Amino acid sequence: MARPIKPTPILYGKEATNFELRMQNPPKISLKEKREMEAAYKLAQSRATFAL
């Protein structure tokens, strides 16, 4: 049986402001970092097994 999903925490004050700013202005990643992330994703996909 699945575990119940916990409620999402609510942010207040400075935490909420910082979160909102970060969501509106995500950090930029370099092309090299993007390629490394894509390679890691492809590797994980190739190793994953799916039993249907």
N, C-alpha and C. Protein backbone atom coordinates (compact mmCIF):
# COMPACT_ATOMS: atom_id res chain seq x y z
N MET A 1 0.84 -1.17 0.00
CA MET A 1 0.00 0.00 0.00
C MET A 1 0.89 1.25 0.00
N ALA A 2 0.49 2.25 -0.75
CA ALA A 2 1.28 3.47 -0.88
C ALA A 2 1.19 4.31 0.39
N ARG A 3 2.24 5.05 0.63
CA ARG A 3 2.25 5.97 1.77
C ARG A 3 1.51 7.25 1.39
N PRO A 4 0.85 7.87 2.34
CA PRO A 4 0.15 9.13 2.02
C PRO A 4 1.15 10.24 1.70
N ILE A 5 0.72 11.14 0.83
CA ILE A 5 1.56 12.27 0.45
C ILE A 5 1.44 13.35 1.51
N LYS A 6 2.58 13.84 1.98
CA LYS A 6 2.58 14.89 2.99
C LYS A 6 2.20 16.21 2.35
N PRO A 7 1.55 17.10 3.10
CA PRO A 7 1.21 18.41 2.54
C PRO A 7 2.46 19.23 2.22
N THR A 8 2.36 20.04 1.18
CA THR A 8 3.46 20.90 0.78
C THR A 8 3.66 22.00 1.81
N PRO A 9 4.89 22.22 2.25
CA PRO A 9 5.11 23.30 3.23
C PRO A 9 4.84 24.67 2.61
N ILE A 10 4.38 25.58 3.43
CA ILE A 10 4.09 26.94 2.98
C ILE A 10 5.23 27.85 3.42
N LEU A 11 5.72 28.66 2.50
CA LEU A 11 6.82 29.57 2.80
C LEU A 11 6.27 30.95 3.15
N TYR A 12 6.93 31.58 4.10
CA TYR A 12 6.54 32.91 4.54
C TYR A 12 7.76 33.82 4.56
N GLY A 13 7.52 35.12 4.48
CA GLY A 13 8.57 36.11 4.68
C GLY A 13 9.68 36.05 3.66
N LYS A 14 10.93 36.13 4.16
CA LYS A 14 12.10 36.20 3.30
C LYS A 14 12.28 34.93 2.47
N GLU A 15 11.96 33.76 3.07
CA GLU A 15 12.05 32.51 2.32
C GLU A 15 11.15 32.53 1.10
N ALA A 16 9.92 33.02 1.29
CA ALA A 16 8.96 33.09 0.19
C ALA A 16 9.45 34.04 -0.90
N THR A 17 9.97 35.18 -0.50
CA THR A 17 10.48 36.17 -1.45
C THR A 17 11.64 35.60 -2.24
N ASN A 18 12.59 34.97 -1.56
CA ASN A 18 13.74 34.37 -2.24
C ASN A 18 13.31 33.27 -3.21
N PHE A 19 12.35 32.46 -2.79
CA PHE A 19 11.86 31.38 -3.65
C PHE A 19 11.22 31.97 -4.91
N GLU A 20 10.38 32.98 -4.74
CA GLU A 20 9.70 33.61 -5.87
C GLU A 20 10.72 34.21 -6.84
N LEU A 21 11.73 34.90 -6.33
CA LEU A 21 12.76 35.49 -7.19
C LEU A 21 13.53 34.41 -7.95
N ARG A 22 13.85 33.32 -7.27
CA ARG A 22 14.59 32.24 -7.94
C ARG A 22 13.75 31.57 -9.02
N MET A 23 12.45 31.43 -8.80
CA MET A 23 11.58 30.83 -9.81
C MET A 23 11.44 31.74 -11.03
N GLN A 24 11.44 33.06 -10.80
CA GLN A 24 11.32 34.00 -11.92
C GLN A 24 12.64 34.15 -12.68
N ASN A 25 13.77 33.94 -12.00
CA ASN A 25 15.09 34.10 -12.61
C ASN A 25 15.95 32.88 -12.31
N PRO A 26 15.69 31.77 -13.02
CA PRO A 26 16.48 30.57 -12.74
C PRO A 26 17.95 30.78 -13.08
N PRO A 27 18.84 30.11 -12.35
CA PRO A 27 20.27 30.27 -12.64
C PRO A 27 20.60 29.72 -14.04
N LYS A 28 21.49 30.40 -14.73
CA LYS A 28 21.90 29.99 -16.07
C LYS A 28 22.91 28.85 -15.96
N ILE A 29 22.82 27.90 -16.88
CA ILE A 29 23.80 26.82 -16.91
C ILE A 29 24.57 26.92 -18.23
N SER A 30 25.82 26.53 -18.17
CA SER A 30 26.65 26.61 -19.38
C SER A 30 26.31 25.44 -20.31
N LEU A 31 26.72 25.58 -21.55
CA LEU A 31 26.48 24.54 -22.54
C LEU A 31 27.17 23.24 -22.12
N LYS A 32 28.36 23.36 -21.52
CA LYS A 32 29.10 22.18 -21.05
C LYS A 32 28.31 21.46 -19.96
N GLU A 33 27.76 22.22 -19.01
CA GLU A 33 26.97 21.61 -17.93
C GLU A 33 25.72 20.92 -18.49
N LYS A 34 25.10 21.57 -19.47
CA LYS A 34 23.89 21.00 -20.07
C LYS A 34 24.22 19.67 -20.77
N ARG A 35 25.32 19.64 -21.49
CA ARG A 35 25.72 18.40 -22.18
C ARG A 35 26.04 17.29 -21.17
N GLU A 36 26.70 17.65 -20.05
CA GLU A 36 27.00 16.65 -19.02
C GLU A 36 25.72 16.10 -18.40
N MET A 37 24.75 16.97 -18.18
CA MET A 37 23.48 16.52 -17.61
C MET A 37 22.73 15.60 -18.58
N GLU A 38 22.75 15.95 -19.87
CA GLU A 38 22.10 15.12 -20.87
C GLU A 38 22.77 13.76 -20.98
N ALA A 39 24.10 13.72 -20.91
CA ALA A 39 24.84 12.46 -20.97
C ALA A 39 24.51 11.58 -19.76
N ALA A 40 24.44 12.19 -18.58
CA ALA A 40 24.09 11.44 -17.37
C ALA A 40 22.67 10.90 -17.47
N TYR A 41 21.76 11.69 -18.03
CA TYR A 41 20.38 11.25 -18.19
C TYR A 41 20.30 10.06 -19.15
N LYS A 42 21.01 10.16 -20.27
CA LYS A 42 21.00 9.06 -21.25
C LYS A 42 21.60 7.80 -20.66
N LEU A 43 22.65 7.93 -19.86
CA LEU A 43 23.26 6.78 -19.21
C LEU A 43 22.27 6.13 -18.24
N ALA A 44 21.59 6.94 -17.45
CA ALA A 44 20.61 6.41 -16.51
C ALA A 44 19.47 5.73 -17.26
N GLN A 45 19.05 6.31 -18.36
CA GLN A 45 17.98 5.72 -19.16
C GLN A 45 18.41 4.37 -19.72
N SER A 46 19.65 4.27 -20.17
CA SER A 46 20.12 3.04 -20.78
C SER A 46 20.26 1.91 -19.74
N ARG A 47 20.47 2.27 -18.49
CA ARG A 47 20.63 1.27 -17.43
C ARG A 47 19.31 0.91 -16.74
N ALA A 48 18.29 1.72 -16.98
CA ALA A 48 17.01 1.47 -16.33
C ALA A 48 16.32 0.28 -16.98
N THR A 49 15.68 -0.51 -16.16
CA THR A 49 14.91 -1.63 -16.69
C THR A 49 13.47 -1.44 -16.28
N PHE A 50 12.60 -1.73 -17.20
CA PHE A 50 11.18 -1.56 -16.96
C PHE A 50 10.49 -2.91 -17.13
N ALA A 51 9.85 -3.36 -16.10
CA ALA A 51 9.10 -4.62 -16.17
C ALA A 51 7.64 -4.28 -16.35
N LEU A 52 7.11 -4.67 -17.49
CA LEU A 52 5.70 -4.39 -17.75
C LEU A 52 4.86 -5.58 -17.49
